Amino acid sequence: MLLMNEADGLAQSFEVLGALAAVLVITGAALVAAGPLIRLLGDKVEAVITRLLGVLLAALAAQYVIDGLKGSFGL
């Protein structure tokens, strides 16, 4: 939405829409390939990936809380 707001003219709007379509296709391909890829890698690798992504998500959540507290109290 921000890029469409910044686009000047029809050509740039089509560029933004083309990039959006490309991202949609890449995301769809990744989602379709995820199941067979995980079956190929096995249960142990899936568990490792799940744990690593869980730690990353927890770290991001903690950072968002810290940033919110700093913004609220002006620290």
C-alpha atoms as a PDB file:
ATOM      1  CA  MET A   1       0.000   0.000   0.000  1.00  0.00           C
ATOM      2  CA  LEU A   2       2.855   2.355   0.775  1.00  0.00           C
ATOM      3  CA  LEU A   3       4.564   1.636  -2.521  1.00  0.00           C
ATOM      4  CA  MET A   4       1.347   2.196  -4.447  1.00  0.00           C
ATOM      5  CA  ASN A   5       0.979   5.520  -2.666  1.00  0.00           C
ATOM      6  CA  GLU A   6       4.508   6.507  -3.735  1.00  0.00           C
ATOM      7  CA  ALA A   7       4.076   5.350  -7.352  1.00  0.00           C
ATOM      8  CA  ASP A   8       3.950   8.157  -9.891  1.00  0.00           C
ATOM      9  CA  GLY A   9       1.961   7.145 -12.920  1.00  0.00           C
ATOM     10  CA  LEU A  10       0.559   3.993 -14.373  1.00  0.00           C
ATOM     11  CA  ALA A  11       3.936   2.420 -15.238  1.00  0.00           C
ATOM     12  CA  GLN A  12       5.191   2.502 -11.661  1.00  0.00           C
ATOM     13  CA  SER A  13       1.870   1.173 -10.404  1.00  0.00           C
ATOM     14  CA  PHE A  14       2.235  -1.818 -12.740  1.00  0.00           C
ATOM     15  CA  GLU A  15       5.799  -2.338 -11.478  1.00  0.00           C
ATOM     16  CA  VAL A  16       4.524  -2.497  -7.904  1.00  0.00           C
ATOM     17  CA  LEU A  17       1.732  -4.872  -8.894  1.00  0.00           C
ATOM     18  CA  GLY A  18       4.225  -7.047 -10.796  1.00  0.00           C
ATOM     19  CA  ALA A  19       6.481  -7.235  -7.739  1.00  0.00           C
ATOM     20  CA  LEU A  20       3.446  -8.124  -5.622  1.00  0.00           C
ATOM     21  CA  ALA A  21       2.508 -10.904  -8.039  1.00  0.00           C
ATOM     22  CA  ALA A  22       6.088 -12.236  -8.010  1.00  0.00           C
ATOM     23  CA  VAL A  23       6.131 -12.343  -4.212  1.00  0.00           C
ATOM     24  CA  LEU A  24       2.760 -14.101  -4.243  1.00  0.00           C
ATOM     25  CA  VAL A  25       4.043 -16.767  -6.652  1.00  0.00           C
ATOM     26  CA  ILE A  26       7.260 -17.303  -4.658  1.00  0.00           C
ATOM     27  CA  THR A  27       5.322 -17.575  -1.405  1.00  0.00           C
ATOM     28  CA  GLY A  28       2.873 -20.032  -2.937  1.00  0.00           C
ATOM     29  CA  ALA A  29       5.715 -22.169  -4.286  1.00  0.00           C
ATOM     30  CA  ALA A  30       7.406 -22.176  -0.873  1.00  0.00           C
ATOM     31  CA  LEU A  31       4.190 -23.246   0.831  1.00  0.00           C
ATOM     32  CA  VAL A  32       3.557 -26.021  -1.694  1.00  0.00           C
ATOM     33  CA  ALA A  33       7.160 -27.275  -1.394  1.00  0.00           C
ATOM     34  CA  ALA A  34       7.249 -27.126   2.430  1.00  0.00           C
ATOM     35  CA  GLY A  35       5.436 -30.425   3.074  1.00  0.00           C
ATOM     36  CA  PRO A  36       7.533 -32.614   0.770  1.00  0.00           C
ATOM     37  CA  LEU A  37      10.733 -30.869   1.895  1.00  0.00           C
ATOM     38  CA  ILE A  38      10.046 -31.540   5.573  1.00  0.00           C
ATOM     39  CA  ARG A  39       9.201 -35.197   4.782  1.00  0.00           C
ATOM     40  CA  LEU A  40      12.514 -35.442   2.912  1.00  0.00           C
ATOM     41  CA  LEU A  41      14.531 -33.888   5.763  1.00  0.00           C
ATOM     42  CA  GLY A  42      12.960 -35.984   8.507  1.00  0.00           C
ATOM     43  CA  ASP A  43      11.519 -35.521  11.970  1.00  0.00           C
ATOM     44  CA  LYS A  44      14.748 -34.534  13.728  1.00  0.00           C
ATOM     45  CA  VAL A  45      15.523 -31.708  11.323  1.00  0.00           C
ATOM     46  CA  GLU A  46      11.913 -30.531  11.596  1.00  0.00           C
ATOM     47  CA  ALA A  47      12.235 -30.430  15.388  1.00  0.00           C
ATOM     48  CA  VAL A  48      15.479 -28.434  15.158  1.00  0.00           C
ATOM     49  CA  ILE A  49      13.965 -25.932  12.727  1.00  0.00           C
ATOM     50  CA  THR A  50      10.862 -25.581  14.901  1.00  0.00           C
ATOM     51  CA  ARG A  51      12.940 -24.920  18.020  1.00  0.00           C
ATOM     52  CA  LEU A  52      15.196 -22.414  16.270  1.00  0.00           C
ATOM     53  CA  LEU A  53      12.226 -20.503  14.881  1.00  0.00           C
ATOM     54  CA  GLY A  54      10.575 -20.597  18.325  1.00  0.00           C
ATOM     55  CA  VAL A  55      13.665 -19.042  19.928  1.00  0.00           C
ATOM     56  CA  LEU A  56      13.777 -16.400  17.199  1.00  0.00           C
ATOM     57  CA  LEU A  57      10.098 -15.593  17.720  1.00  0.00           C
ATOM     58  CA  ALA A  58      10.577 -15.328  21.493  1.00  0.00           C
ATOM     59  CA  ALA A  59      13.544 -12.990  21.020  1.00  0.00           C
ATOM     60  CA  LEU A  60      11.556 -10.763  18.669  1.00  0.00           C
ATOM     61  CA  ALA A  61       8.624 -10.690  21.080  1.00  0.00           C
ATOM     62  CA  ALA A  62      10.891  -9.716  23.969  1.00  0.00           C
ATOM     63  CA  GLN A  63      12.465  -6.964  21.876  1.00  0.00           C
ATOM     64  CA  TYR A  64       9.030  -5.585  20.934  1.00  0.00           C
ATOM     65  CA  VAL A  65       8.041  -5.494  24.610  1.00  0.00           C
ATOM     66  CA  ILE A  66      11.283  -3.729  25.536  1.00  0.00           C
ATOM     67  CA  ASP A  67      10.848  -1.198  22.717  1.00  0.00           C
ATOM     68  CA  GLY A  68       7.249  -0.595  23.769  1.00  0.00           C
ATOM     69  CA  LEU A  69       8.225   0.005  27.387  1.00  0.00           C
ATOM     70  CA  LYS A  70      11.011   2.351  26.337  1.00  0.00           C
ATOM     71  CA  GLY A  71       8.582   4.272  24.137  1.00  0.00           C
ATOM     72  CA  SER A  72       5.951   4.458  26.844  1.00  0.00           C
ATOM     73  CA  PHE A  73       8.220   5.628  29.622  1.00  0.00           C
ATOM     74  CA  GLY A  74      10.635   7.672  27.512  1.00  0.00           C
ATOM     75  CA  LEU A  75      13.701   5.674  28.505  1.00  0.00           C
END
